[in-house]
Amino acid sequence: MFIIYLFLVIFVQNLDVINGQEIRTCDESYCRNPQNGVCKEIHCVGKDKMLYKNATTCGCCHKCIKILEEGEECQLSMFRTLPESVCGPHLKCQQVDRDRICRKISDIPESDDKTVGLCERQLVNLDKYSAGEPVPECDDFGQFSPKLCRNGTLCHCVDKNGHRIFGSATYDKSDDMDCCE
C-alpha cells in the first residue's frame, strides 16, 4: 500500500498539468516571477487588524485581515482562500437565525459547538470558576500550547489536553524549555 502511495505522490509531483489545469511548483523563482503576481505593499496597523504572513500561493505575499468584534457579521467558512475578516479573541462565528455573527465562546453551549478548542474554552471560563489557577496559553486552533507557567514562578510542559507531562523549569529559564508533544 505504501509503495502505491509513494508512486502516486511522485507521479503527481512530476505532472505539470492535470485535467487542463496547471499545477504550480513552489520554488525560489516562483515568487520572483512577475507573471505570478506582484505583492502589494501592505499597511496593517491597528488593533482591529492582523497580518497573516505568507498567506498567498506558495507563501509569496502577506495579507492583512480585519479582526471583528462581538456582534459583527462574519463568514462561517472560506474555501481555498483566507477570509477578509475573522472573529477576534474568545469569539466564534456562529449562525444565529439568518445571520452569521461573532459570539462570545462562553455564550455558546458546548453541546452546540465541538469545534472550540479545550484550551480556548478553559481560558474563557477561567475567571468564572477559579481563582489563582495558571492562565493557559492557547495556540491558533484553541488547543493548549506545550508550555504552561504558573504566576511567573514555575513552568511545566503540558500535552494537547493541558495535562502536565515531563519537563519543568523556573519562569526565568522557561525560554530554554523544549516541550514536545
N, C-alpha and C. Protein backbone atom coordinates (compact mmCIF):
# COMPACT_ATOMS: atom_id res chain seq x y z
N MET A 1 0.82 -1.19 0.00
CA MET A 1 0.00 0.00 0.00
C MET A 1 0.87 1.26 0.00
N PHE A 2 1.92 1.24 0.83
CA PHE A 2 2.82 2.39 0.91
C PHE A 2 3.49 2.64 -0.44
N ILE A 3 3.85 1.59 -1.15
CA ILE A 3 4.52 1.74 -2.45
C ILE A 3 3.58 2.41 -3.44
N ILE A 4 2.30 2.05 -3.41
CA ILE A 4 1.33 2.68 -4.31
C ILE A 4 1.20 4.16 -3.97
N TYR A 5 1.10 4.46 -2.69
CA TYR A 5 1.01 5.85 -2.24
C TYR A 5 2.23 6.64 -2.68
N LEU A 6 3.42 6.09 -2.47
CA LEU A 6 4.66 6.75 -2.86
C LEU A 6 4.69 6.99 -4.36
N PHE A 7 4.28 6.00 -5.14
CA PHE A 7 4.24 6.14 -6.59
C PHE A 7 3.31 7.29 -6.99
N LEU A 8 2.12 7.35 -6.38
CA LEU A 8 1.18 8.42 -6.71
C LEU A 8 1.72 9.80 -6.35
N VAL A 9 2.37 9.91 -5.22
CA VAL A 9 2.95 11.18 -4.81
C VAL A 9 4.00 11.64 -5.81
N ILE A 10 4.90 10.74 -6.18
CA ILE A 10 5.95 11.08 -7.15
C ILE A 10 5.34 11.41 -8.50
N PHE A 11 4.34 10.64 -8.92
CA PHE A 11 3.70 10.87 -10.20
C PHE A 11 3.05 12.25 -10.25
N VAL A 12 2.29 12.60 -9.23
CA VAL A 12 1.61 13.89 -9.20
C VAL A 12 2.61 15.04 -9.12
N GLN A 13 3.69 14.86 -8.37
CA GLN A 13 4.69 15.92 -8.26
C GLN A 13 5.36 16.22 -9.60
N ASN A 14 5.43 15.24 -10.46
CA ASN A 14 6.11 15.43 -11.74
C ASN A 14 5.18 15.86 -12.86
N LEU A 15 3.89 15.97 -12.59
CA LEU A 15 2.95 16.44 -13.60
C LEU A 15 2.95 17.96 -13.65
N ASP A 16 2.85 18.50 -14.83
CA ASP A 16 2.72 19.95 -14.96
C ASP A 16 1.26 20.34 -15.14
N VAL A 17 0.46 19.42 -15.67
CA VAL A 17 -0.94 19.72 -15.94
C VAL A 17 -1.79 18.51 -15.57
N ILE A 18 -2.88 18.75 -14.85
CA ILE A 18 -3.87 17.71 -14.56
C ILE A 18 -5.22 18.27 -14.94
N ASN A 19 -5.97 17.52 -15.76
CA ASN A 19 -7.30 17.94 -16.20
C ASN A 19 -7.29 19.36 -16.77
N GLY A 20 -6.26 19.70 -17.50
CA GLY A 20 -6.19 21.00 -18.14
C GLY A 20 -5.81 22.14 -17.22
N GLN A 21 -5.53 21.86 -15.95
CA GLN A 21 -5.15 22.92 -15.01
C GLN A 21 -3.67 22.80 -14.70
N GLU A 22 -3.00 23.93 -14.75
CA GLU A 22 -1.57 23.95 -14.44
C GLU A 22 -1.37 23.74 -12.94
N ILE A 23 -0.40 22.91 -12.61
CA ILE A 23 -0.05 22.70 -11.21
C ILE A 23 1.16 23.57 -10.91
N ARG A 24 1.05 24.37 -9.86
CA ARG A 24 2.15 25.25 -9.50
C ARG A 24 3.18 24.50 -8.69
N THR A 25 4.43 24.72 -9.02
CA THR A 25 5.50 24.18 -8.20
C THR A 25 6.15 25.37 -7.51
N CYS A 26 6.23 25.29 -6.22
CA CYS A 26 6.75 26.41 -5.44
C CYS A 26 8.25 26.24 -5.24
N ASP A 27 9.01 27.01 -5.98
CA ASP A 27 10.45 27.05 -5.76
C ASP A 27 10.84 28.51 -5.58
N GLU A 28 12.11 28.76 -5.42
CA GLU A 28 12.58 30.12 -5.14
C GLU A 28 12.22 31.11 -6.24
N SER A 29 12.16 30.64 -7.48
CA SER A 29 11.90 31.56 -8.59
C SER A 29 10.42 31.92 -8.73
N TYR A 30 9.53 31.12 -8.16
CA TYR A 30 8.09 31.37 -8.34
C TYR A 30 7.69 32.76 -7.85
N CYS A 31 8.09 33.13 -6.65
CA CYS A 31 7.68 34.42 -6.08
C CYS A 31 8.33 35.61 -6.78
N ARG A 32 9.46 35.39 -7.40
CA ARG A 32 10.15 36.49 -8.09
C ARG A 32 9.62 36.71 -9.50
N ASN A 33 8.84 35.77 -10.03
CA ASN A 33 8.34 35.87 -11.39
C ASN A 33 7.13 36.80 -11.44
N PRO A 34 7.22 37.93 -12.18
CA PRO A 34 6.12 38.89 -12.24
C PRO A 34 4.83 38.29 -12.81
N GLN A 35 4.93 37.23 -13.61
CA GLN A 35 3.73 36.59 -14.16
C GLN A 35 2.87 35.96 -13.05
N ASN A 36 3.46 35.66 -11.93
CA ASN A 36 2.73 35.05 -10.82
C ASN A 36 2.12 36.10 -9.89
N GLY A 37 2.21 37.35 -10.27
CA GLY A 37 1.65 38.43 -9.45
C GLY A 37 2.72 39.07 -8.60
N VAL A 38 2.54 40.32 -8.34
CA VAL A 38 3.48 41.07 -7.52
C VAL A 38 2.79 41.39 -6.20
N CYS A 39 3.51 41.21 -5.12
CA CYS A 39 2.94 41.50 -3.80
C CYS A 39 2.70 43.00 -3.65
N LYS A 40 1.52 43.34 -3.17
CA LYS A 40 1.19 44.74 -2.90
C LYS A 40 1.77 45.12 -1.55
N GLU A 41 2.15 46.38 -1.42
CA GLU A 41 2.64 46.86 -0.13
C GLU A 41 1.46 46.90 0.84
N ILE A 42 1.66 46.35 2.02
CA ILE A 42 0.57 46.24 2.99
C ILE A 42 0.84 47.12 4.20
N HIS A 43 -0.17 47.91 4.57
CA HIS A 43 -0.11 48.70 5.80
C HIS A 43 -1.16 48.10 6.73
N CYS A 44 -0.72 47.25 7.61
CA CYS A 44 -1.63 46.51 8.50
C CYS A 44 -1.40 47.00 9.93
N VAL A 45 -1.97 48.16 10.25
CA VAL A 45 -1.74 48.78 11.54
C VAL A 45 -3.07 48.99 12.24
N GLY A 46 -3.09 48.74 13.52
CA GLY A 46 -4.29 48.96 14.32
C GLY A 46 -4.69 47.70 15.05
N LYS A 47 -5.42 47.87 16.16
CA LYS A 47 -5.81 46.71 16.96
C LYS A 47 -6.89 45.88 16.27
N ASP A 48 -7.53 46.43 15.24
CA ASP A 48 -8.56 45.69 14.53
C ASP A 48 -8.03 45.01 13.27
N LYS A 49 -6.70 44.87 13.17
CA LYS A 49 -6.09 44.23 12.00
C LYS A 49 -5.03 43.23 12.44
N MET A 50 -4.83 42.20 11.62
CA MET A 50 -3.83 41.18 11.91
C MET A 50 -3.12 40.81 10.61
N LEU A 51 -1.80 40.74 10.66
CA LEU A 51 -1.01 40.39 9.49
C LEU A 51 -0.82 38.88 9.43
N TYR A 52 -1.29 38.26 8.35
CA TYR A 52 -1.04 36.83 8.10
C TYR A 52 0.14 36.77 7.15
N LYS A 53 1.23 36.21 7.62
CA LYS A 53 2.42 36.12 6.78
C LYS A 53 2.32 34.92 5.84
N ASN A 54 2.92 35.07 4.66
CA ASN A 54 2.99 34.01 3.66
C ASN A 54 1.61 33.44 3.34
N ALA A 55 0.63 34.31 3.14
CA ALA A 55 -0.77 33.89 3.02
C ALA A 55 -1.20 33.54 1.60
N THR A 56 -0.42 33.89 0.61
CA THR A 56 -0.84 33.65 -0.77
C THR A 56 -0.17 32.40 -1.33
N THR A 57 -0.47 32.09 -2.57
CA THR A 57 0.09 30.91 -3.22
C THR A 57 1.59 30.85 -3.04
N CYS A 58 2.07 29.71 -2.62
CA CYS A 58 3.50 29.46 -2.40
C CYS A 58 4.10 30.33 -1.30
N GLY A 59 3.27 31.04 -0.55
CA GLY A 59 3.78 31.85 0.55
C GLY A 59 4.50 33.10 0.10
N CYS A 60 4.15 33.61 -1.07
CA CYS A 60 4.86 34.77 -1.61
C CYS A 60 4.52 36.08 -0.91
N CYS A 61 3.26 36.29 -0.60
CA CYS A 61 2.82 37.59 -0.10
C CYS A 61 2.10 37.46 1.24
N HIS A 62 2.06 38.57 1.96
CA HIS A 62 1.34 38.65 3.22
C HIS A 62 -0.07 39.20 2.95
N LYS A 63 -0.96 39.06 3.95
CA LYS A 63 -2.32 39.57 3.81
C LYS A 63 -2.76 40.18 5.14
N CYS A 64 -3.46 41.30 5.06
CA CYS A 64 -3.99 41.97 6.24
C CYS A 64 -5.45 41.57 6.41
N ILE A 65 -5.79 41.07 7.60
CA ILE A 65 -7.14 40.59 7.86
C ILE A 65 -7.75 41.42 9.00
N LYS A 66 -8.99 41.83 8.80
CA LYS A 66 -9.71 42.64 9.81
C LYS A 66 -10.18 41.73 10.94
N ILE A 67 -9.99 42.18 12.17
CA ILE A 67 -10.44 41.46 13.36
C ILE A 67 -11.81 42.01 13.76
N LEU A 68 -12.80 41.13 13.78
CA LEU A 68 -14.17 41.54 14.09
C LEU A 68 -14.45 41.49 15.59
N GLU A 69 -15.38 42.32 16.03
CA GLU A 69 -15.79 42.35 17.43
C GLU A 69 -17.11 41.61 17.60
N GLU A 70 -17.50 41.42 18.84
CA GLU A 70 -18.75 40.72 19.15
C GLU A 70 -19.92 41.41 18.47
N GLY A 71 -20.77 40.62 17.83
CA GLY A 71 -21.96 41.14 17.17
C GLY A 71 -21.77 41.51 15.71
N GLU A 72 -20.53 41.57 15.24
CA GLU A 72 -20.30 41.92 13.84
C GLU A 72 -20.54 40.70 12.95
N GLU A 73 -20.96 40.96 11.70
CA GLU A 73 -21.20 39.89 10.74
C GLU A 73 -19.89 39.24 10.34
N CYS A 74 -19.93 37.91 10.14
CA CYS A 74 -18.73 37.16 9.80
C CYS A 74 -19.05 36.09 8.76
N GLN A 75 -18.02 35.39 8.30
CA GLN A 75 -18.18 34.30 7.35
C GLN A 75 -17.87 33.00 8.07
N LEU A 76 -18.75 32.00 7.91
CA LEU A 76 -18.55 30.72 8.58
C LEU A 76 -17.41 29.92 7.98
N SER A 77 -17.29 29.93 6.66
CA SER A 77 -16.21 29.16 6.05
C SER A 77 -15.79 29.79 4.74
N MET A 78 -14.55 29.56 4.41
CA MET A 78 -13.98 30.03 3.15
C MET A 78 -13.29 28.85 2.50
N PHE A 79 -13.42 28.71 1.22
CA PHE A 79 -12.76 27.62 0.52
C PHE A 79 -11.63 28.15 -0.34
N ARG A 80 -10.46 27.58 -0.17
CA ARG A 80 -9.28 27.84 -0.98
C ARG A 80 -8.74 29.26 -0.87
N THR A 81 -9.16 30.02 0.11
CA THR A 81 -8.65 31.37 0.29
C THR A 81 -8.81 31.78 1.75
N LEU A 82 -8.03 32.75 2.16
CA LEU A 82 -8.20 33.30 3.51
C LEU A 82 -9.31 34.33 3.49
N PRO A 83 -10.08 34.42 4.56
CA PRO A 83 -11.14 35.41 4.61
C PRO A 83 -10.57 36.82 4.73
N GLU A 84 -11.40 37.80 4.44
CA GLU A 84 -11.01 39.20 4.59
C GLU A 84 -11.09 39.63 6.05
N SER A 85 -11.88 38.89 6.85
CA SER A 85 -12.05 39.22 8.26
C SER A 85 -12.29 37.95 9.07
N VAL A 86 -11.94 38.00 10.37
CA VAL A 86 -12.16 36.87 11.29
C VAL A 86 -12.64 37.42 12.63
N CYS A 87 -13.34 36.58 13.38
CA CYS A 87 -13.77 36.98 14.73
C CYS A 87 -12.56 37.11 15.63
N GLY A 88 -12.59 38.07 16.53
CA GLY A 88 -11.48 38.35 17.43
C GLY A 88 -11.32 37.30 18.52
N PRO A 89 -10.39 37.56 19.46
CA PRO A 89 -10.11 36.60 20.54
C PRO A 89 -11.36 36.27 21.35
N HIS A 90 -11.50 35.01 21.69
CA HIS A 90 -12.60 34.48 22.50
C HIS A 90 -13.96 34.64 21.82
N LEU A 91 -13.95 34.83 20.50
CA LEU A 91 -15.19 34.93 19.73
C LEU A 91 -15.19 33.84 18.66
N LYS A 92 -16.38 33.45 18.23
CA LYS A 92 -16.52 32.44 17.19
C LYS A 92 -17.67 32.84 16.30
N CYS A 93 -17.51 32.62 15.00
CA CYS A 93 -18.57 32.92 14.05
C CYS A 93 -19.63 31.82 14.17
N GLN A 94 -20.88 32.23 14.37
CA GLN A 94 -21.96 31.26 14.53
C GLN A 94 -23.21 31.76 13.84
N GLN A 95 -23.95 30.81 13.26
CA GLN A 95 -25.22 31.11 12.62
C GLN A 95 -26.25 31.42 13.70
N VAL A 96 -26.87 32.60 13.62
CA VAL A 96 -27.93 32.99 14.54
C VAL A 96 -29.09 33.45 13.67
N ASP A 97 -30.15 32.66 13.66
CA ASP A 97 -31.28 32.87 12.76
C ASP A 97 -30.75 32.88 11.33
N ARG A 98 -30.90 34.00 10.61
CA ARG A 98 -30.41 34.06 9.23
C ARG A 98 -29.05 34.74 9.12
N ASP A 99 -28.56 35.24 10.23
CA ASP A 99 -27.29 35.97 10.22
C ASP A 99 -26.15 35.11 10.74
N ARG A 100 -24.95 35.46 10.35
CA ARG A 100 -23.73 34.87 10.90
C ARG A 100 -23.02 35.99 11.65
N ILE A 101 -22.87 35.81 12.96
CA ILE A 101 -22.26 36.87 13.76
C ILE A 101 -21.20 36.30 14.69
N CYS A 102 -20.30 37.17 15.12
CA CYS A 102 -19.28 36.79 16.10
C CYS A 102 -19.92 36.78 17.49
N ARG A 103 -19.81 35.63 18.17
CA ARG A 103 -20.37 35.49 19.52
C ARG A 103 -19.27 35.09 20.48
N LYS A 104 -19.45 35.44 21.76
CA LYS A 104 -18.51 35.01 22.79
C LYS A 104 -18.56 33.49 22.90
N ILE A 105 -17.40 32.88 22.98
CA ILE A 105 -17.35 31.43 23.12
C ILE A 105 -18.07 30.99 24.39
N SER A 106 -17.97 31.78 25.44
CA SER A 106 -18.62 31.42 26.71
C SER A 106 -20.15 31.42 26.58
N ASP A 107 -20.70 32.09 25.57
CA ASP A 107 -22.15 32.12 25.36
C ASP A 107 -22.63 30.97 24.48
N ILE A 108 -21.70 30.22 23.91
CA ILE A 108 -22.07 29.11 23.03
C ILE A 108 -22.03 27.82 23.84
N PRO A 109 -23.17 27.14 24.02
CA PRO A 109 -23.15 25.89 24.78
C PRO A 109 -22.21 24.88 24.14
N GLU A 110 -21.49 24.14 24.99
CA GLU A 110 -20.53 23.15 24.50
C GLU A 110 -21.20 22.15 23.56
N SER A 111 -22.44 21.79 23.85
CA SER A 111 -23.14 20.81 23.02
C SER A 111 -23.43 21.36 21.63
N ASP A 112 -23.48 22.68 21.47
CA ASP A 112 -23.74 23.29 20.17
C ASP A 112 -22.50 23.41 19.31
N ASP A 113 -21.33 23.42 19.91
CA ASP A 113 -20.12 23.68 19.14
C ASP A 113 -18.94 22.90 19.69
N LYS A 114 -18.60 21.83 19.00
CA LYS A 114 -17.47 20.99 19.40
C LYS A 114 -16.16 21.47 18.76
N THR A 115 -16.22 22.53 17.94
CA THR A 115 -15.01 22.99 17.25
C THR A 115 -14.18 23.94 18.10
N VAL A 116 -14.71 24.40 19.21
CA VAL A 116 -13.93 25.28 20.09
C VAL A 116 -12.94 24.42 20.85
N GLY A 117 -11.67 24.78 20.81
CA GLY A 117 -10.63 24.00 21.47
C GLY A 117 -10.78 24.00 22.98
N LEU A 118 -10.32 22.94 23.60
CA LEU A 118 -10.41 22.77 25.05
C LEU A 118 -9.71 23.92 25.78
N CYS A 119 -8.54 24.32 25.31
CA CYS A 119 -7.80 25.41 25.95
C CYS A 119 -8.58 26.72 25.86
N GLU A 120 -9.11 27.01 24.69
CA GLU A 120 -9.87 28.25 24.49
C GLU A 120 -11.07 28.30 25.42
N ARG A 121 -11.80 27.19 25.52
CA ARG A 121 -12.97 27.16 26.39
C ARG A 121 -12.56 27.32 27.86
N GLN A 122 -11.45 26.68 28.25
CA GLN A 122 -10.97 26.80 29.63
C GLN A 122 -10.53 28.23 29.92
N LEU A 123 -9.86 28.86 28.96
CA LEU A 123 -9.41 30.24 29.13
C LEU A 123 -10.59 31.19 29.31
N VAL A 124 -11.63 31.00 28.52
CA VAL A 124 -12.82 31.85 28.61
C VAL A 124 -13.53 31.66 29.94
N ASN A 125 -13.57 30.42 30.43
CA ASN A 125 -14.28 30.12 31.68
C ASN A 125 -13.44 30.33 32.93
N LEU A 126 -12.15 30.62 32.78
CA LEU A 126 -11.24 30.71 33.91
C LEU A 126 -11.70 31.71 34.97
N ASP A 127 -12.07 32.90 34.54
CA ASP A 127 -12.46 33.92 35.52
C ASP A 127 -13.80 33.61 36.18
N LYS A 128 -14.62 32.78 35.56
CA LYS A 128 -15.92 32.44 36.13
C LYS A 128 -15.81 31.47 37.29
N TYR A 129 -14.93 30.48 37.16
CA TYR A 129 -14.96 29.35 38.07
C TYR A 129 -13.76 29.20 39.00
N SER A 130 -12.67 29.91 38.75
CA SER A 130 -11.49 29.63 39.56
C SER A 130 -10.70 30.90 39.85
N ALA A 131 -9.93 30.81 40.92
CA ALA A 131 -9.03 31.91 41.28
C ALA A 131 -7.67 31.32 41.56
N GLY A 132 -6.62 31.97 41.10
CA GLY A 132 -5.27 31.51 41.36
C GLY A 132 -4.78 30.40 40.46
N GLU A 133 -5.60 29.95 39.53
CA GLU A 133 -5.17 28.91 38.60
C GLU A 133 -4.25 29.52 37.55
N PRO A 134 -3.33 28.72 36.99
CA PRO A 134 -2.48 29.25 35.92
C PRO A 134 -3.33 29.56 34.68
N VAL A 135 -2.99 30.63 34.01
CA VAL A 135 -3.71 31.01 32.81
C VAL A 135 -3.13 30.23 31.64
N PRO A 136 -3.94 29.40 30.98
CA PRO A 136 -3.41 28.60 29.88
C PRO A 136 -3.07 29.46 28.67
N GLU A 137 -2.06 29.02 27.93
CA GLU A 137 -1.74 29.65 26.65
C GLU A 137 -2.29 28.75 25.56
N CYS A 138 -3.08 29.34 24.67
CA CYS A 138 -3.71 28.56 23.60
C CYS A 138 -3.03 28.86 22.27
N ASP A 139 -2.97 27.85 21.40
CA ASP A 139 -2.44 28.07 20.06
C ASP A 139 -3.55 28.65 19.18
N ASP A 140 -3.25 28.82 17.89
CA ASP A 140 -4.21 29.43 16.98
C ASP A 140 -5.46 28.58 16.76
N PHE A 141 -5.42 27.31 17.17
CA PHE A 141 -6.54 26.41 16.96
C PHE A 141 -7.33 26.16 18.25
N GLY A 142 -7.01 26.91 19.31
CA GLY A 142 -7.73 26.77 20.57
C GLY A 142 -7.26 25.61 21.43
N GLN A 143 -6.15 24.98 21.04
CA GLN A 143 -5.59 23.88 21.83
C GLN A 143 -4.50 24.43 22.74
N PHE A 144 -4.07 23.63 23.70
CA PHE A 144 -3.04 24.07 24.64
C PHE A 144 -1.68 24.21 23.97
N SER A 145 -0.98 25.31 24.25
CA SER A 145 0.42 25.44 23.85
C SER A 145 1.21 24.49 24.74
N PRO A 146 2.38 24.02 24.29
CA PRO A 146 3.10 22.98 25.03
C PRO A 146 3.65 23.41 26.39
N LYS A 147 3.63 24.70 26.72
CA LYS A 147 4.22 25.17 27.98
C LYS A 147 3.17 25.94 28.79
N LEU A 148 3.10 25.67 30.10
CA LEU A 148 2.16 26.36 30.98
C LEU A 148 2.94 26.92 32.17
N CYS A 149 2.80 28.23 32.40
CA CYS A 149 3.53 28.88 33.50
C CYS A 149 2.55 29.31 34.58
N ARG A 150 2.95 29.11 35.84
CA ARG A 150 2.12 29.47 36.99
C ARG A 150 2.61 30.78 37.61
N ASN A 151 1.85 31.83 37.39
CA ASN A 151 2.08 33.13 38.05
C ASN A 151 3.53 33.58 38.07
N GLY A 152 4.27 33.36 37.00
CA GLY A 152 5.64 33.84 36.90
C GLY A 152 6.62 33.13 37.81
N THR A 153 6.29 31.94 38.30
CA THR A 153 7.20 31.23 39.20
C THR A 153 7.73 29.94 38.60
N LEU A 154 6.86 29.05 38.18
CA LEU A 154 7.26 27.74 37.67
C LEU A 154 6.50 27.44 36.39
N CYS A 155 7.20 26.85 35.43
CA CYS A 155 6.58 26.45 34.17
C CYS A 155 6.76 24.95 33.99
N HIS A 156 5.79 24.31 33.36
CA HIS A 156 5.94 22.90 33.04
C HIS A 156 5.32 22.60 31.68
N CYS A 157 5.74 21.50 31.11
CA CYS A 157 5.23 21.08 29.81
C CYS A 157 3.87 20.42 29.98
N VAL A 158 2.99 20.63 29.00
CA VAL A 158 1.67 20.01 29.02
C VAL A 158 1.38 19.37 27.67
N ASP A 159 0.48 18.38 27.67
CA ASP A 159 0.08 17.75 26.42
C ASP A 159 -1.04 18.56 25.78
N LYS A 160 -1.59 18.07 24.68
CA LYS A 160 -2.60 18.82 23.94
C LYS A 160 -3.89 19.03 24.74
N ASN A 161 -4.08 18.25 25.81
CA ASN A 161 -5.25 18.40 26.67
C ASN A 161 -4.97 19.23 27.91
N GLY A 162 -3.75 19.77 28.03
CA GLY A 162 -3.39 20.61 29.16
C GLY A 162 -2.91 19.85 30.38
N HIS A 163 -2.71 18.53 30.25
CA HIS A 163 -2.22 17.72 31.37
C HIS A 163 -0.70 17.79 31.43
N ARG A 164 -0.18 17.89 32.63
CA ARG A 164 1.26 18.01 32.83
C ARG A 164 1.98 16.75 32.34
N ILE A 165 3.09 16.99 31.62
CA ILE A 165 3.96 15.90 31.18
C ILE A 165 5.38 16.23 31.64
N PHE A 166 6.34 15.39 31.30
CA PHE A 166 7.72 15.57 31.72
C PHE A 166 8.27 16.91 31.24
N GLY A 167 8.96 17.63 32.12
CA GLY A 167 9.63 18.88 31.77
C GLY A 167 9.12 20.04 32.59
N SER A 168 10.04 20.70 33.32
CA SER A 168 9.66 21.89 34.08
C SER A 168 10.90 22.77 34.26
N ALA A 169 10.65 24.03 34.57
CA ALA A 169 11.73 24.99 34.80
C ALA A 169 11.17 26.19 35.54
N THR A 170 12.05 26.95 36.17
CA THR A 170 11.61 28.20 36.78
C THR A 170 11.27 29.18 35.66
N TYR A 171 10.46 30.16 35.97
CA TYR A 171 9.97 31.09 34.96
C TYR A 171 11.11 31.77 34.19
N ASP A 172 12.18 32.15 34.89
CA ASP A 172 13.28 32.85 34.24
C ASP A 172 14.05 31.95 33.27
N LYS A 173 13.88 30.64 33.35
CA LYS A 173 14.55 29.69 32.44
C LYS A 173 13.56 29.09 31.43
N SER A 174 12.33 29.57 31.42
CA SER A 174 11.29 28.95 30.58
C SER A 174 11.55 29.08 29.08
N ASP A 175 12.30 30.10 28.66
CA ASP A 175 12.61 30.24 27.24
C ASP A 175 13.50 29.11 26.73
N ASP A 176 14.23 28.47 27.65
CA ASP A 176 15.12 27.37 27.27
C ASP A 176 14.41 26.02 27.27
N MET A 177 13.15 25.99 27.68
CA MET A 177 12.40 24.73 27.73
C MET A 177 12.11 24.23 26.33
N ASP A 178 12.19 22.91 26.14
CA ASP A 178 11.86 22.29 24.86
C ASP A 178 10.74 21.29 25.12
N CYS A 179 9.51 21.77 25.09
CA CYS A 179 8.35 20.91 25.36
C CYS A 179 7.85 20.34 24.04
N CYS A 180 7.98 19.05 23.88
CA CYS A 180 7.49 18.37 22.68
C CYS A 180 6.19 17.67 23.01
N GLU A 181 5.30 17.64 22.04
CA GLU A 181 4.02 16.96 22.28
C GLU A 181 4.08 15.55 21.77
